[in-house]
C-alpha atoms as a PDB file:
ATOM      1  CA  MET A   1       0.767   3.565 -13.049  1.00  0.00           C
ATOM      2  CA  ILE A   2       0.402   1.536  -9.864  1.00  0.00           C
ATOM      3  CA  ARG A   3      -3.073   1.278  -8.315  1.00  0.00           C
ATOM      4  CA  VAL A   4      -3.051   1.518  -4.522  1.00  0.00           C
ATOM      5  CA  GLU A   5      -6.120   0.292  -2.632  1.00  0.00           C
ATOM      6  CA  PHE A   6      -6.803   1.014   1.035  1.00  0.00           C
ATOM      7  CA  LEU A   7      -8.885  -1.628   2.775  1.00  0.00           C
ATOM      8  CA  GLY A   8     -10.988  -1.647   5.915  1.00  0.00           C
ATOM      9  CA  PRO A   9     -11.113   1.377   8.200  1.00  0.00           C
ATOM     10  CA  ILE A  10      -8.510   3.427   6.331  1.00  0.00           C
ATOM     11  CA  ALA A  11     -11.428   5.061   4.480  1.00  0.00           C
ATOM     12  CA  ARG A  12      -9.423   6.345   1.533  1.00  0.00           C
ATOM     13  CA  GLU A  13     -10.296   6.126  -2.149  1.00  0.00           C
ATOM     14  CA  PRO A  14      -7.842   4.170  -4.341  1.00  0.00           C
ATOM     15  CA  MET A  15      -5.083   6.201  -5.925  1.00  0.00           C
ATOM     16  CA  GLU A  16      -2.751   5.747  -8.870  1.00  0.00           C
ATOM     17  CA  VAL A  17       0.931   6.626  -8.609  1.00  0.00           C
ATOM     18  CA  GLU A  18       4.250   6.057 -10.336  1.00  0.00           C
ATOM     19  CA  ALA A  19       6.729   4.075  -8.207  1.00  0.00           C
ATOM     20  CA  ARG A  20       9.692   1.829  -9.060  1.00  0.00           C
ATOM     21  CA  ASP A  21       9.464  -0.299  -5.930  1.00  0.00           C
ATOM     22  CA  LEU A  22       7.707  -0.616  -2.576  1.00  0.00           C
ATOM     23  CA  ALA A  23      10.240   1.661  -0.871  1.00  0.00           C
ATOM     24  CA  GLU A  24       9.449   4.506  -3.272  1.00  0.00           C
ATOM     25  CA  LEU A  25       5.719   3.849  -2.892  1.00  0.00           C
ATOM     26  CA  SER A  26       6.102   3.983   0.883  1.00  0.00           C
ATOM     27  CA  ARG A  27       7.776   7.404   0.644  1.00  0.00           C
ATOM     28  CA  ILE A  28       4.937   8.666  -1.556  1.00  0.00           C
ATOM     29  CA  LEU A  29       2.250   7.351   0.796  1.00  0.00           C
ATOM     30  CA  PHE A  30       4.035   8.746   3.867  1.00  0.00           C
ATOM     31  CA  GLU A  31       3.448  12.244   2.471  1.00  0.00           C
ATOM     32  CA  GLU A  32      -0.325  11.735   2.816  1.00  0.00           C
ATOM     33  CA  GLU A  33      -1.330  12.741   6.360  1.00  0.00           C
ATOM     34  CA  SER A  34      -4.474  10.601   6.367  1.00  0.00           C
ATOM     35  CA  ILE A  35      -2.478   7.479   5.447  1.00  0.00           C
ATOM     36  CA  ARG A  36       0.696   8.034   7.482  1.00  0.00           C
ATOM     37  CA  PRO A  37      -0.632   6.668  10.836  1.00  0.00           C
ATOM     38  CA  TRP A  38      -1.582   3.376   9.144  1.00  0.00           C
ATOM     39  CA  LEU A  39       1.668   2.647   7.335  1.00  0.00           C
ATOM     40  CA  GLU A  40       3.575   1.031  10.217  1.00  0.00           C
ATOM     41  CA  LYS A  41       0.570  -1.095  11.218  1.00  0.00           C
ATOM     42  CA  CYS A  42      -0.496  -2.444   7.830  1.00  0.00           C
ATOM     43  CA  ALA A  43       0.466  -5.437   5.764  1.00  0.00           C
ATOM     44  CA  VAL A  44       0.986  -5.029   2.029  1.00  0.00           C
ATOM     45  CA  ALA A  45      -0.070  -7.210  -0.881  1.00  0.00           C
ATOM     46  CA  VAL A  46       0.975  -6.810  -4.502  1.00  0.00           C
ATOM     47  CA  ASN A  47      -1.436  -8.416  -6.941  1.00  0.00           C
ATOM     48  CA  ASP A  48      -3.005 -10.367  -4.047  1.00  0.00           C
ATOM     49  CA  VAL A  49       0.329 -11.771  -2.771  1.00  0.00           C
ATOM     50  CA  MET A  50       1.554 -10.692   0.671  1.00  0.00           C
ATOM     51  CA  VAL A  51       4.984  -9.024   0.470  1.00  0.00           C
ATOM     52  CA  LYS A  52       7.547  -7.512   2.839  1.00  0.00           C
ATOM     53  CA  ASP A  53      10.574  -6.716   0.657  1.00  0.00           C
ATOM     54  CA  PRO A  54      10.807  -2.918   0.236  1.00  0.00           C
ATOM     55  CA  LYS A  55      13.003  -3.458  -2.836  1.00  0.00           C
ATOM     56  CA  LEU A  56      10.266  -5.434  -4.603  1.00  0.00           C
ATOM     57  CA  PRO A  57      10.000  -3.893  -8.083  1.00  0.00           C
ATOM     58  CA  LEU A  58       6.636  -2.553  -9.191  1.00  0.00           C
ATOM     59  CA  LYS A  59       5.467  -2.312 -12.766  1.00  0.00           C
ATOM     60  CA  ALA A  60       2.650  -0.558 -14.577  1.00  0.00           C
ATOM     61  CA  GLY A  61      -0.656  -2.254 -13.887  1.00  0.00           C
ATOM     62  CA  ASP A  62       0.330  -3.670 -10.479  1.00  0.00           C
ATOM     63  CA  ARG A  63      -2.265  -3.423  -7.715  1.00  0.00           C
ATOM     64  CA  VAL A  64      -0.978  -2.740  -4.208  1.00  0.00           C
ATOM     65  CA  SER A  65      -3.362  -3.347  -1.307  1.00  0.00           C
ATOM     66  CA  ILE A  66      -2.773  -1.739   2.075  1.00  0.00           C
ATOM     67  CA  LEU A  67      -4.241  -4.122   4.658  1.00  0.00           C
ATOM     68  CA  PRO A  68      -4.890  -2.839   8.182  1.00  0.00           C
ATOM     69  CA  PRO A  69      -4.679  -5.237  11.136  1.00  0.00           C
ATOM     70  CA  VAL A  70      -7.934  -6.955  12.042  1.00  0.00           C
ATOM     71  CA  CYS A  71      -9.342  -8.727  15.051  1.00  0.00           C
ATOM     72  CA  GLY A  72     -11.643 -11.657  14.965  1.00  0.00           C
ATOM     73  CA  GLY A  73     -13.026 -14.415  17.011  1.00  0.00           C
END
């Protein structure tokens, strides 16, 4: 299982899913109406490393963090 964490204002409890890669995980998350609006805006980290490759393989025990954009000063 892959643990998916939603940070900041997404206000969603972590979930565990089965996914081979980030592309499959994205399809799974897109089905969730409360998450869908965030997906295009957020960065993604796997095990605390920022990633962009949708073909990045995922394995059991991986932790995927969905990181919304932030503003600061």
